[in-house]
Amino acid sequence: MDEVETETQGVDETKMRSDLLWRITSSSPPPTRFLLLSSFFLLLHLISSTASDTPTAYDELLEYDFPVGLLPKGVTGYDLNKKTGEFKAYMKETCSFKIQGYDIKYKSND
C-alpha cells in the first residue's frame, strides 16, 4: 500500500508543479504596465522616425553622388530647389580652407 500512495503522491506533486509553472509563465503584466510600455515604445518610434524623415545636407549631397566632404562639419540646415538644382547650406561660423590649390571659404549666415 505504501508503494501505491507514494506513486499517487508523486503524480500529485508533478501536477502541482506543472500547474504552478503554467501560472507563472502565462501570467500577463498588469494592464497599466502594458499600456505604459506600449506608449513609451510608440513615442520612441515616432521620435526616431520623424528625426530621420528629413535628410541632412550631407544626405542630399550623397543622393546626387557628391562627396559629403564638399561641406564642412557643422552645417545646421539647407535649402534645395529640386527643379533648378540650387543648393544653399547654412552654418553658424565662417569656415575657410585650401584644397588642391583652391581657396574655399564658407561664410556663416549670421
PDB file of N, CA and C in Angstrom:
ATOM      1  N   MET A   1       0.798  -1.199   0.000  1.00  0.00           N
ATOM      2  CA  MET A   1       0.000   0.000   0.000  1.00  0.00           C
ATOM      3  C   MET A   1       0.839   1.260   0.000  1.00  0.00           C
ATOM      4  N   ASP A   2       1.916   1.207   0.724  1.00  0.00           N
ATOM      5  CA  ASP A   2       2.787   2.380   0.786  1.00  0.00           C
ATOM      6  C   ASP A   2       3.315   2.745  -0.597  1.00  0.00           C
ATOM      7  N   GLU A   3       3.571   1.729  -1.416  1.00  0.00           N
ATOM      8  CA  GLU A   3       4.100   1.971  -2.757  1.00  0.00           C
ATOM      9  C   GLU A   3       3.073   2.681  -3.625  1.00  0.00           C
ATOM     10  N   VAL A   4       1.805   2.320  -3.526  1.00  0.00           N
ATOM     11  CA  VAL A   4       0.735   2.949  -4.293  1.00  0.00           C
ATOM     12  C   VAL A   4       0.551   4.393  -3.851  1.00  0.00           C
ATOM     13  N   GLU A   5       0.583   4.638  -2.546  1.00  0.00           N
ATOM     14  CA  GLU A   5       0.445   6.005  -2.037  1.00  0.00           C
ATOM     15  C   GLU A   5       1.594   6.884  -2.510  1.00  0.00           C
ATOM     16  N   THR A   6       2.810   6.352  -2.531  1.00  0.00           N
ATOM     17  CA  THR A   6       3.976   7.113  -2.963  1.00  0.00           C
ATOM     18  C   THR A   6       3.851   7.490  -4.433  1.00  0.00           C
ATOM     19  N   GLU A   7       3.400   6.565  -5.289  1.00  0.00           N
ATOM     20  CA  GLU A   7       3.222   6.860  -6.710  1.00  0.00           C
ATOM     21  C   GLU A   7       2.157   7.928  -6.902  1.00  0.00           C
ATOM     22  N   THR A   8       1.039   7.810  -6.197  1.00  0.00           N
ATOM     23  CA  THR A   8      -0.038   8.788  -6.295  1.00  0.00           C
ATOM     24  C   THR A   8       0.429  10.149  -5.810  1.00  0.00           C
ATOM     25  N   GLN A   9       1.173  10.154  -4.731  1.00  0.00           N
ATOM     26  CA  GLN A   9       1.685  11.407  -4.183  1.00  0.00           C
ATOM     27  C   GLN A   9       2.661  12.053  -5.172  1.00  0.00           C
ATOM     28  N   GLY A  10       3.525  11.248  -5.836  1.00  0.00           N
ATOM     29  CA  GLY A  10       4.475  11.767  -6.830  1.00  0.00           C
ATOM     30  C   GLY A  10       3.761  12.381  -8.020  1.00  0.00           C
ATOM     31  N   VAL A  11       2.668  11.751  -8.464  1.00  0.00           N
ATOM     32  CA  VAL A  11       1.884  12.274  -9.584  1.00  0.00           C
ATOM     33  C   VAL A  11       1.244  13.598  -9.196  1.00  0.00           C
ATOM     34  N   ASP A  12       0.687  13.664  -7.970  1.00  0.00           N
ATOM     35  CA  ASP A  12       0.068  14.901  -7.499  1.00  0.00           C
ATOM     36  C   ASP A  12       1.084  16.038  -7.418  1.00  0.00           C
ATOM     37  N   GLU A  13       2.286  15.751  -6.920  1.00  0.00           N
ATOM     38  CA  GLU A  13       3.324  16.784  -6.824  1.00  0.00           C
ATOM     39  C   GLU A  13       3.737  17.266  -8.209  1.00  0.00           C
ATOM     40  N   THR A  14       3.867  16.350  -9.155  1.00  0.00           N
ATOM     41  CA  THR A  14       4.232  16.716 -10.522  1.00  0.00           C
ATOM     42  C   THR A  14       3.155  17.590 -11.143  1.00  0.00           C
ATOM     43  N   LYS A  15       1.893  17.225 -10.924  1.00  0.00           N
ATOM     44  CA  LYS A  15       0.787  18.018 -11.466  1.00  0.00           C
ATOM     45  C   LYS A  15       0.768  19.406 -10.836  1.00  0.00           C
ATOM     46  N   MET A  16       0.999  19.479  -9.537  1.00  0.00           N
ATOM     47  CA  MET A  16       1.019  20.776  -8.856  1.00  0.00           C
ATOM     48  C   MET A  16       2.157  21.642  -9.386  1.00  0.00           C
ATOM     49  N   ARG A  17       3.328  21.039  -9.607  1.00  0.00           N
ATOM     50  CA  ARG A  17       4.463  21.804 -10.133  1.00  0.00           C
ATOM     51  C   ARG A  17       4.168  22.325 -11.532  1.00  0.00           C
ATOM     52  N   SER A  18       3.586  21.477 -12.378  1.00  0.00           N
ATOM     53  CA  SER A  18       3.295  21.919 -13.739  1.00  0.00           C
ATOM     54  C   SER A  18       2.211  22.996 -13.742  1.00  0.00           C
ATOM     55  N   ASP A  19       1.216  22.875 -12.849  1.00  0.00           N
ATOM     56  CA  ASP A  19       0.194  23.918 -12.737  1.00  0.00           C
ATOM     57  C   ASP A  19       0.804  25.239 -12.285  1.00  0.00           C
ATOM     58  N   LEU A  20       1.697  25.168 -11.313  1.00  0.00           N
ATOM     59  CA  LEU A  20       2.354  26.372 -10.810  1.00  0.00           C
ATOM     60  C   LEU A  20       3.220  27.003 -11.893  1.00  0.00           C
ATOM     61  N   LEU A  21       3.968  26.173 -12.618  1.00  0.00           N
ATOM     62  CA  LEU A  21       4.811  26.681 -13.699  1.00  0.00           C
ATOM     63  C   LEU A  21       3.956  27.343 -14.773  1.00  0.00           C
ATOM     64  N   TRP A  22       2.819  26.732 -15.110  1.00  0.00           N
ATOM     65  CA  TRP A  22       1.935  27.306 -16.117  1.00  0.00           C
ATOM     66  C   TRP A  22       1.412  28.669 -15.668  1.00  0.00           C
ATOM     67  N   ARG A  23       1.027  28.776 -14.404  1.00  0.00           N
ATOM     68  CA  ARG A  23       0.521  30.049 -13.879  1.00  0.00           C
ATOM     69  C   ARG A  23       1.588  31.133 -13.919  1.00  0.00           C
ATOM     70  N   ILE A  24       2.813  30.770 -13.573  1.00  0.00           N
ATOM     71  CA  ILE A  24       3.897  31.760 -13.545  1.00  0.00           C
ATOM     72  C   ILE A  24       4.218  32.241 -14.948  1.00  0.00           C
ATOM     73  N   THR A  25       4.340  31.314 -15.901  1.00  0.00           N
ATOM     74  CA  THR A  25       4.745  31.696 -17.257  1.00  0.00           C
ATOM     75  C   THR A  25       3.616  32.313 -18.058  1.00  0.00           C
ATOM     76  N   SER A  26       2.380  32.002 -17.731  1.00  0.00           N
ATOM     77  CA  SER A  26       1.276  32.541 -18.515  1.00  0.00           C
ATOM     78  C   SER A  26       0.678  33.798 -17.905  1.00  0.00           C
ATOM     79  N   SER A  27       1.194  34.218 -16.780  1.00  0.00           N
ATOM     80  CA  SER A  27       0.633  35.427 -16.172  1.00  0.00           C
ATOM     81  C   SER A  27       1.061  36.634 -16.991  1.00  0.00           C
ATOM     82  N   SER A  28       0.132  37.496 -17.257  1.00  0.00           N
ATOM     83  CA  SER A  28       0.436  38.683 -18.053  1.00  0.00           C
ATOM     84  C   SER A  28       0.660  39.865 -17.128  1.00  0.00           C
ATOM     85  N   PRO A  29       1.425  40.857 -17.600  1.00  0.00           N
ATOM     86  CA  PRO A  29       1.658  42.021 -16.754  1.00  0.00           C
ATOM     87  C   PRO A  29       0.357  42.788 -16.538  1.00  0.00           C
ATOM     88  N   PRO A  30       0.295  43.546 -15.494  1.00  0.00           N
ATOM     89  CA  PRO A  30      -0.908  44.342 -15.264  1.00  0.00           C
ATOM     90  C   PRO A  30      -1.180  45.254 -16.462  1.00  0.00           C
ATOM     91  N   PRO A  31      -2.433  45.517 -16.784  1.00  0.00           N
ATOM     92  CA  PRO A  31      -2.769  46.329 -17.954  1.00  0.00           C
ATOM     93  C   PRO A  31      -2.108  47.705 -17.953  1.00  0.00           C
ATOM     94  N   THR A  32      -1.958  48.326 -16.799  1.00  0.00           N
ATOM     95  CA  THR A  32      -1.360  49.666 -16.783  1.00  0.00           C
ATOM     96  C   THR A  32       0.105  49.608 -17.177  1.00  0.00           C
ATOM     97  N   ARG A  33       0.820  48.594 -16.726  1.00  0.00           N
ATOM     98  CA  ARG A  33       2.228  48.460 -17.096  1.00  0.00           C
ATOM     99  C   ARG A  33       2.341  48.227 -18.603  1.00  0.00           C
ATOM    100  N   PHE A  34       1.493  47.371 -19.138  1.00  0.00           N
ATOM    101  CA  PHE A  34       1.500  47.093 -20.570  1.00  0.00           C
ATOM    102  C   PHE A  34       1.205  48.359 -21.361  1.00  0.00           C
ATOM    103  N   LEU A  35       0.230  49.121 -20.918  1.00  0.00           N
ATOM    104  CA  LEU A  35      -0.133  50.358 -21.597  1.00  0.00           C
ATOM    105  C   LEU A  35       1.003  51.373 -21.554  1.00  0.00           C
ATOM    106  N   LEU A  36       1.645  51.499 -20.403  1.00  0.00           N
ATOM    107  CA  LEU A  36       2.771  52.428 -20.282  1.00  0.00           C
ATOM    108  C   LEU A  36       3.936  52.015 -21.169  1.00  0.00           C
ATOM    109  N   LEU A  37       4.268  50.742 -21.169  1.00  0.00           N
ATOM    110  CA  LEU A  37       5.370  50.271 -22.015  1.00  0.00           C
ATOM    111  C   LEU A  37       5.049  50.452 -23.492  1.00  0.00           C
ATOM    112  N   SER A  38       3.829  50.140 -23.878  1.00  0.00           N
ATOM    113  CA  SER A  38       3.428  50.315 -25.277  1.00  0.00           C
ATOM    114  C   SER A  38       3.511  51.778 -25.685  1.00  0.00           C
ATOM    115  N   SER A  39       3.032  52.657 -24.825  1.00  0.00           N
ATOM    116  CA  SER A  39       3.079  54.091 -25.120  1.00  0.00           C
ATOM    117  C   SER A  39       4.511  54.585 -25.235  1.00  0.00           C
ATOM    118  N   PHE A  40       5.379  54.114 -24.346  1.00  0.00           N
ATOM    119  CA  PHE A  40       6.782  54.518 -24.363  1.00  0.00           C
ATOM    120  C   PHE A  40       7.447  54.111 -25.674  1.00  0.00           C
ATOM    121  N   PHE A  41       7.250  52.858 -26.105  1.00  0.00           N
ATOM    122  CA  PHE A  41       7.879  52.395 -27.338  1.00  0.00           C
ATOM    123  C   PHE A  41       7.279  53.074 -28.565  1.00  0.00           C
ATOM    124  N   LEU A  42       6.004  53.378 -28.538  1.00  0.00           N
ATOM    125  CA  LEU A  42       5.391  54.109 -29.637  1.00  0.00           C
ATOM    126  C   LEU A  42       5.983  55.509 -29.739  1.00  0.00           C
ATOM    127  N   LEU A  43       6.162  56.170 -28.614  1.00  0.00           N
ATOM    128  CA  LEU A  43       6.761  57.500 -28.594  1.00  0.00           C
ATOM    129  C   LEU A  43       8.192  57.465 -29.123  1.00  0.00           C
ATOM    130  N   LEU A  44       8.972  56.480 -28.704  1.00  0.00           N
ATOM    131  CA  LEU A  44      10.341  56.343 -29.212  1.00  0.00           C
ATOM    132  C   LEU A  44      10.353  56.144 -30.722  1.00  0.00           C
ATOM    133  N   HIS A  45       9.444  55.329 -31.210  1.00  0.00           N
ATOM    134  CA  HIS A  45       9.370  55.082 -32.652  1.00  0.00           C
ATOM    135  C   HIS A  45       9.019  56.362 -33.408  1.00  0.00           C
ATOM    136  N   LEU A  46       8.056  57.112 -32.905  1.00  0.00           N
ATOM    137  CA  LEU A  46       7.659  58.349 -33.573  1.00  0.00           C
ATOM    138  C   LEU A  46       8.788  59.368 -33.586  1.00  0.00           C
ATOM    139  N   ILE A  47       9.497  59.494 -32.478  1.00  0.00           N
ATOM    140  CA  ILE A  47      10.608  60.440 -32.409  1.00  0.00           C
ATOM    141  C   ILE A  47      11.701  60.046 -33.391  1.00  0.00           C
ATOM    142  N   SER A  48      12.046  58.777 -33.434  1.00  0.00           N
ATOM    143  CA  SER A  48      13.127  58.347 -34.323  1.00  0.00           C
ATOM    144  C   SER A  48      12.717  58.436 -35.785  1.00  0.00           C
ATOM    145  N   SER A  49      11.465  58.176 -36.100  1.00  0.00           N
ATOM    146  CA  SER A  49      11.053  58.229 -37.498  1.00  0.00           C
ATOM    147  C   SER A  49      10.931  59.662 -37.993  1.00  0.00           C
ATOM    148  N   THR A  50      10.488  60.601 -37.158  1.00  0.00           N
ATOM    149  CA  THR A  50      10.399  61.983 -37.615  1.00  0.00           C
ATOM    150  C   THR A  50      11.772  62.607 -37.736  1.00  0.00           C
ATOM    151  N   ALA A  51      12.702  62.205 -36.894  1.00  0.00           N
ATOM    152  CA  ALA A  51      14.053  62.745 -36.979  1.00  0.00           C
ATOM    153  C   ALA A  51      14.744  62.265 -38.246  1.00  0.00           C
ATOM    154  N   SER A  52      14.460  61.065 -38.686  1.00  0.00           N
ATOM    155  CA  SER A  52      15.134  60.528 -39.856  1.00  0.00           C
ATOM    156  C   SER A  52      14.378  60.819 -41.150  1.00  0.00           C
ATOM    157  N   ASP A  53      13.157  61.363 -41.087  1.00  0.00           N
ATOM    158  CA  ASP A  53      12.402  61.666 -42.294  1.00  0.00           C
ATOM    159  C   ASP A  53      13.010  62.822 -43.071  1.00  0.00           C
ATOM    160  N   THR A  54      13.603  63.784 -42.398  1.00  0.00           N
ATOM    161  CA  THR A  54      14.192  64.937 -43.056  1.00  0.00           C
ATOM    162  C   THR A  54      15.672  64.669 -43.285  1.00  0.00           C
ATOM    163  N   PRO A  55      16.090  64.567 -44.548  1.00  0.00           N
ATOM    164  CA  PRO A  55      17.504  64.309 -44.804  1.00  0.00           C
ATOM    165  C   PRO A  55      18.360  65.527 -44.464  1.00  0.00           C
ATOM    166  N   THR A  56      19.596  65.280 -44.088  1.00  0.00           N
ATOM    167  CA  THR A  56      20.530  66.364 -43.800  1.00  0.00           C
ATOM    168  C   THR A  56      21.132  66.867 -45.108  1.00  0.00           C
ATOM    169  N   ALA A  57      21.864  67.961 -45.020  1.00  0.00           N
ATOM    170  CA  ALA A  57      22.553  68.489 -46.200  1.00  0.00           C
ATOM    171  C   ALA A  57      23.532  67.449 -46.741  1.00  0.00           C
ATOM    172  N   TYR A  58      24.157  66.722 -45.851  1.00  0.00           N
ATOM    173  CA  TYR A  58      25.115  65.691 -46.252  1.00  0.00           C
ATOM    174  C   TYR A  58      24.405  64.533 -46.962  1.00  0.00           C
ATOM    175  N   ASP A  59      23.207  64.183 -46.505  1.00  0.00           N
ATOM    176  CA  ASP A  59      22.410  63.147 -47.171  1.00  0.00           C
ATOM    177  C   ASP A  59      22.060  63.567 -48.591  1.00  0.00           C
ATOM    178  N   GLU A  60      21.718  64.841 -48.756  1.00  0.00           N
ATOM    179  CA  GLU A  60      21.369  65.349 -50.089  1.00  0.00           C
ATOM    180  C   GLU A  60      22.570  65.290 -51.028  1.00  0.00           C
ATOM    181  N   LEU A  61      23.753  65.610 -50.528  1.00  0.00           N
ATOM    182  CA  LEU A  61      24.952  65.505 -51.366  1.00  0.00           C
ATOM    183  C   LEU A  61      25.133  64.067 -51.853  1.00  0.00           C
ATOM    184  N   LEU A  62      25.009  63.125 -50.965  1.00  0.00           N
ATOM    185  CA  LEU A  62      25.153  61.718 -51.342  1.00  0.00           C
ATOM    186  C   LEU A  62      24.088  61.289 -52.342  1.00  0.00           C
ATOM    187  N   GLU A  63      22.887  61.814 -52.187  1.00  0.00           N
ATOM    188  CA  GLU A  63      21.785  61.478 -53.100  1.00  0.00           C
ATOM    189  C   GLU A  63      22.127  61.856 -54.545  1.00  0.00           C
ATOM    190  N   TYR A  64      22.885  62.935 -54.713  1.00  0.00           N
ATOM    191  CA  TYR A  64      23.271  63.401 -56.048  1.00  0.00           C
ATOM    192  C   TYR A  64      24.712  63.007 -56.397  1.00  0.00           C
ATOM    193  N   ASP A  65      25.236  62.009 -55.708  1.00  0.00           N
ATOM    194  CA  ASP A  65      26.576  61.459 -55.947  1.00  0.00           C
ATOM    195  C   ASP A  65      27.708  62.455 -55.740  1.00  0.00           C
ATOM    196  N   PHE A  66      27.532  63.388 -54.826  1.00  0.00           N
ATOM    197  CA  PHE A  66      28.608  64.293 -54.428  1.00  0.00           C
ATOM    198  C   PHE A  66      29.196  63.783 -53.115  1.00  0.00           C
ATOM    199  N   PRO A  67      30.487  64.004 -52.892  1.00  0.00           N
ATOM    200  CA  PRO A  67      31.070  63.588 -51.604  1.00  0.00           C
ATOM    201  C   PRO A  67      30.632  64.523 -50.482  1.00  0.00           C
ATOM    202  N   VAL A  68      30.423  63.976 -49.303  1.00  0.00           N
ATOM    203  CA  VAL A  68      29.999  64.801 -48.167  1.00  0.00           C
ATOM    204  C   VAL A  68      31.092  65.778 -47.760  1.00  0.00           C
ATOM    205  N   GLY A  69      32.317  65.534 -48.173  1.00  0.00           N
ATOM    206  CA  GLY A  69      33.428  66.424 -47.849  1.00  0.00           C
ATOM    207  C   GLY A  69      33.342  67.782 -48.515  1.00  0.00           C
ATOM    208  N   LEU A  70      32.393  67.966 -49.421  1.00  0.00           N
ATOM    209  CA  LEU A  70      32.211  69.290 -50.030  1.00  0.00           C
ATOM    210  C   LEU A  70      31.754  70.315 -49.007  1.00  0.00           C
ATOM    211  N   LEU A  71      31.075  69.860 -47.994  1.00  0.00           N
ATOM    212  CA  LEU A  71      30.599  70.764 -46.946  1.00  0.00           C
ATOM    213  C   LEU A  71      31.407  70.548 -45.675  1.00  0.00           C
ATOM    214  N   PRO A  72      31.721  71.626 -44.981  1.00  0.00           N
ATOM    215  CA  PRO A  72      32.422  71.462 -43.699  1.00  0.00           C
ATOM    216  C   PRO A  72      31.465  70.905 -42.647  1.00  0.00           C
ATOM    217  N   LYS A  73      32.022  70.422 -41.563  1.00  0.00           N
ATOM    218  CA  LYS A  73      31.199  69.960 -40.450  1.00  0.00           C
ATOM    219  C   LYS A  73      30.482  71.157 -39.843  1.00  0.00           C
ATOM    220  N   GLY A  74      29.303  70.925 -39.327  1.00  0.00           N
ATOM    221  CA  GLY A  74      28.583  71.981 -38.635  1.00  0.00           C
ATOM    222  C   GLY A  74      27.491  72.647 -39.438  1.00  0.00           C
ATOM    223  N   VAL A  75      27.120  72.084 -40.576  1.00  0.00           N
ATOM    224  CA  VAL A  75      26.011  72.644 -41.350  1.00  0.00           C
ATOM    225  C   VAL A  75      24.736  72.453 -40.541  1.00  0.00           C
ATOM    226  N   THR A  76      24.007  73.551 -40.335  1.00  0.00           N
ATOM    227  CA  THR A  76      22.806  73.495 -39.495  1.00  0.00           C
ATOM    228  C   THR A  76      21.516  73.349 -40.289  1.00  0.00           C
ATOM    229  N   GLY A  77      21.573  73.600 -41.581  1.00  0.00           N
ATOM    230  CA  GLY A  77      20.382  73.485 -42.409  1.00  0.00           C
ATOM    231  C   GLY A  77      20.731  73.708 -43.865  1.00  0.00           C
ATOM    232  N   TYR A  78      19.734  73.581 -44.713  1.00  0.00           N
ATOM    233  CA  TYR A  78      19.971  73.788 -46.143  1.00  0.00           C
ATOM    234  C   TYR A  78      18.653  74.041 -46.853  1.00  0.00           C
ATOM    235  N   ASP A  79      18.768  74.587 -48.065  1.00  0.00           N
ATOM    236  CA  ASP A  79      17.643  74.728 -48.989  1.00  0.00           C
ATOM    237  C   ASP A  79      18.061  74.076 -50.291  1.00  0.00           C
ATOM    238  N   LEU A  80      17.163  73.336 -50.897  1.00  0.00           N
ATOM    239  CA  LEU A  80      17.440  72.700 -52.179  1.00  0.00           C
ATOM    240  C   LEU A  80      16.247  72.905 -53.087  1.00  0.00           C
ATOM    241  N   ASN A  81      16.498  73.545 -54.232  1.00  0.00           N
ATOM    242  CA  ASN A  81      15.473  73.685 -55.253  1.00  0.00           C
ATOM    243  C   ASN A  81      15.677  72.524 -56.218  1.00  0.00           C
ATOM    244  N   LYS A  82      14.809  71.540 -56.161  1.00  0.00           N
ATOM    245  CA  LYS A  82      14.992  70.335 -56.975  1.00  0.00           C
ATOM    246  C   LYS A  82      14.776  70.599 -58.456  1.00  0.00           C
ATOM    247  N   LYS A  83      14.072  71.670 -58.808  1.00  0.00           N
ATOM    248  CA  LYS A  83      13.871  71.997 -60.224  1.00  0.00           C
ATOM    249  C   LYS A  83      15.129  72.597 -60.838  1.00  0.00           C
ATOM    250  N   THR A  84      15.748  73.540 -60.122  1.00  0.00           N
ATOM    251  CA  THR A  84      16.920  74.232 -60.674  1.00  0.00           C
ATOM    252  C   THR A  84      18.239  73.631 -60.200  1.00  0.00           C
ATOM    253  N   GLY A  85      18.207  72.884 -59.098  1.00  0.00           N
ATOM    254  CA  GLY A  85      19.434  72.322 -58.542  1.00  0.00           C
ATOM    255  C   GLY A  85      20.151  73.278 -57.607  1.00  0.00           C
ATOM    256  N   GLU A  86      19.573  74.467 -57.385  1.00  0.00           N
ATOM    257  CA  GLU A  86      20.207  75.436 -56.484  1.00  0.00           C
ATOM    258  C   GLU A  86      20.215  74.871 -55.063  1.00  0.00           C
ATOM    259  N   PHE A  87      21.387  74.942 -54.451  1.00  0.00           N
ATOM    260  CA  PHE A  87      21.586  74.363 -53.121  1.00  0.00           C
ATOM    261  C   PHE A  87      22.251  75.401 -52.235  1.00  0.00           C
ATOM    262  N   LYS A  88      21.668  75.655 -51.081  1.00  0.00           N
ATOM    263  CA  LYS A  88      22.243  76.583 -50.106  1.00  0.00           C
ATOM    264  C   LYS A  88      22.387  75.844 -48.789  1.00  0.00           C
ATOM    265  N   ALA A  89      23.567  75.962 -48.188  1.00  0.00           N
ATOM    266  CA  ALA A  89      23.813  75.349 -46.885  1.00  0.00           C
ATOM    267  C   ALA A  89      23.998  76.451 -45.862  1.00  0.00           C
ATOM    268  N   TYR A  90      23.517  76.218 -44.650  1.00  0.00           N
ATOM    269  CA  TYR A  90      23.595  77.216 -43.584  1.00  0.00           C
ATOM    270  C   TYR A  90      24.459  76.689 -42.443  1.00  0.00           C
ATOM    271  N   MET A  91      25.282  77.594 -41.913  1.00  0.00           N
ATOM    272  CA  MET A  91      26.137  77.240 -40.780  1.00  0.00           C
ATOM    273  C   MET A  91      26.308  78.443 -39.873  1.00  0.00           C
ATOM    274  N   LYS A  92      26.729  78.206 -38.658  1.00  0.00           N
ATOM    275  CA  LYS A  92      26.844  79.280 -37.671  1.00  0.00           C
ATOM    276  C   LYS A  92      28.156  80.041 -37.772  1.00  0.00           C
ATOM    277  N   GLU A  93      29.223  79.401 -38.233  1.00  0.00           N
ATOM    278  CA  GLU A  93      30.533  80.040 -38.264  1.00  0.00           C
ATOM    279  C   GLU A  93      31.112  80.021 -39.671  1.00  0.00           C
ATOM    280  N   THR A  94      31.969  81.001 -39.960  1.00  0.00           N
ATOM    281  CA  THR A  94      32.679  81.036 -41.230  1.00  0.00           C
ATOM    282  C   THR A  94      33.773  79.976 -41.206  1.00  0.00           C
ATOM    283  N   CYS A  95      33.972  79.339 -42.340  1.00  0.00           N
ATOM    284  CA  CYS A  95      34.969  78.277 -42.439  1.00  0.00           C
ATOM    285  C   CYS A  95      35.740  78.471 -43.740  1.00  0.00           C
ATOM    286  N   SER A  96      37.060  78.412 -43.679  1.00  0.00           N
ATOM    287  CA  SER A  96      37.858  78.514 -44.902  1.00  0.00           C
ATOM    288  C   SER A  96      39.001  77.512 -44.853  1.00  0.00           C
ATOM    289  N   PHE A  97      39.368  77.015 -46.034  1.00  0.00           N
ATOM    290  CA  PHE A  97      40.478  76.066 -46.142  1.00  0.00           C
ATOM    291  C   PHE A  97      40.975  76.045 -47.576  1.00  0.00           C
ATOM    292  N   LYS A  98      42.110  75.420 -47.792  1.00  0.00           N
ATOM    293  CA  LYS A  98      42.724  75.325 -49.112  1.00  0.00           C
ATOM    294  C   LYS A  98      42.791  73.845 -49.484  1.00  0.00           C
ATOM    295  N   ILE A  99      42.374  73.546 -50.706  1.00  0.00           N
ATOM    296  CA  ILE A  99      42.427  72.168 -51.183  1.00  0.00           C
ATOM    297  C   ILE A  99      42.836  72.170 -52.652  1.00  0.00           C
ATOM    298  N   GLN A 100      43.861  71.431 -52.977  1.00  0.00           N
ATOM    299  CA  GLN A 100      44.391  71.302 -54.340  1.00  0.00           C
ATOM    300  C   GLN A 100      44.565  72.662 -55.014  1.00  0.00           C
ATOM    301  N   GLY A 101      45.104  73.615 -54.280  1.00  0.00           N
ATOM    302  CA  GLY A 101      45.378  74.936 -54.835  1.00  0.00           C
ATOM    303  C   GLY A 101      44.186  75.878 -54.860  1.00  0.00           C
ATOM    304  N   TYR A 102      43.056  75.462 -54.402  1.00  0.00           N
ATOM    305  CA  TYR A 102      41.864  76.316 -54.381  1.00  0.00           C
ATOM    306  C   TYR A 102      41.624  76.807 -52.956  1.00  0.00           C
ATOM    307  N   ASP A 103      41.333  78.094 -52.842  1.00  0.00           N
ATOM    308  CA  ASP A 103      40.929  78.661 -51.557  1.00  0.00           C
ATOM    309  C   ASP A 103      39.410  78.564 -51.466  1.00  0.00           C
ATOM    310  N   ILE A 104      38.948  77.892 -50.456  1.00  0.00           N
ATOM    311  CA  ILE A 104      37.499  77.716 -50.288  1.00  0.00           C
ATOM    312  C   ILE A 104      37.091  78.389 -48.990  1.00  0.00           C
ATOM    313  N   LYS A 105      36.019  79.167 -49.081  1.00  0.00           N
ATOM    314  CA  LYS A 105      35.532  79.870 -47.902  1.00  0.00           C
ATOM    315  C   LYS A 105      34.013  79.736 -47.842  1.00  0.00           C
ATOM    316  N   TYR A 106      33.554  79.293 -46.721  1.00  0.00           N
ATOM    317  CA  TYR A 106      32.121  79.232 -46.444  1.00  0.00           C
ATOM    318  C   TYR A 106      31.825  80.307 -45.411  1.00  0.00           C
ATOM    319  N   LYS A 107      30.911  81.203 -45.753  1.00  0.00           N
ATOM    320  CA  LYS A 107      30.543  82.267 -44.817  1.00  0.00           C
ATOM    321  C   LYS A 107      29.324  81.841 -44.011  1.00  0.00           C
ATOM    322  N   SER A 108      29.319  82.288 -42.766  1.00  0.00           N
ATOM    323  CA  SER A 108      28.164  81.979 -41.916  1.00  0.00           C
ATOM    324  C   SER A 108      26.970  82.813 -42.346  1.00  0.00           C
ATOM    325  N   ASN A 109      25.813  82.417 -41.918  1.00  0.00           N
ATOM    326  CA  ASN A 109      24.588  83.124 -42.286  1.00  0.00           C
ATOM    327  C   ASN A 109      24.157  84.110 -41.224  1.00  0.00           C
ATOM    328  N   ASP A 110      24.923  84.254 -40.171  1.00  0.00           N
ATOM    329  CA  ASP A 110      24.548  85.174 -39.089  1.00  0.00           C
ATOM    330  C   ASP A 110      25.078  86.558 -39.335  1.00  0.00           C
TER     331      ASP A 110
END
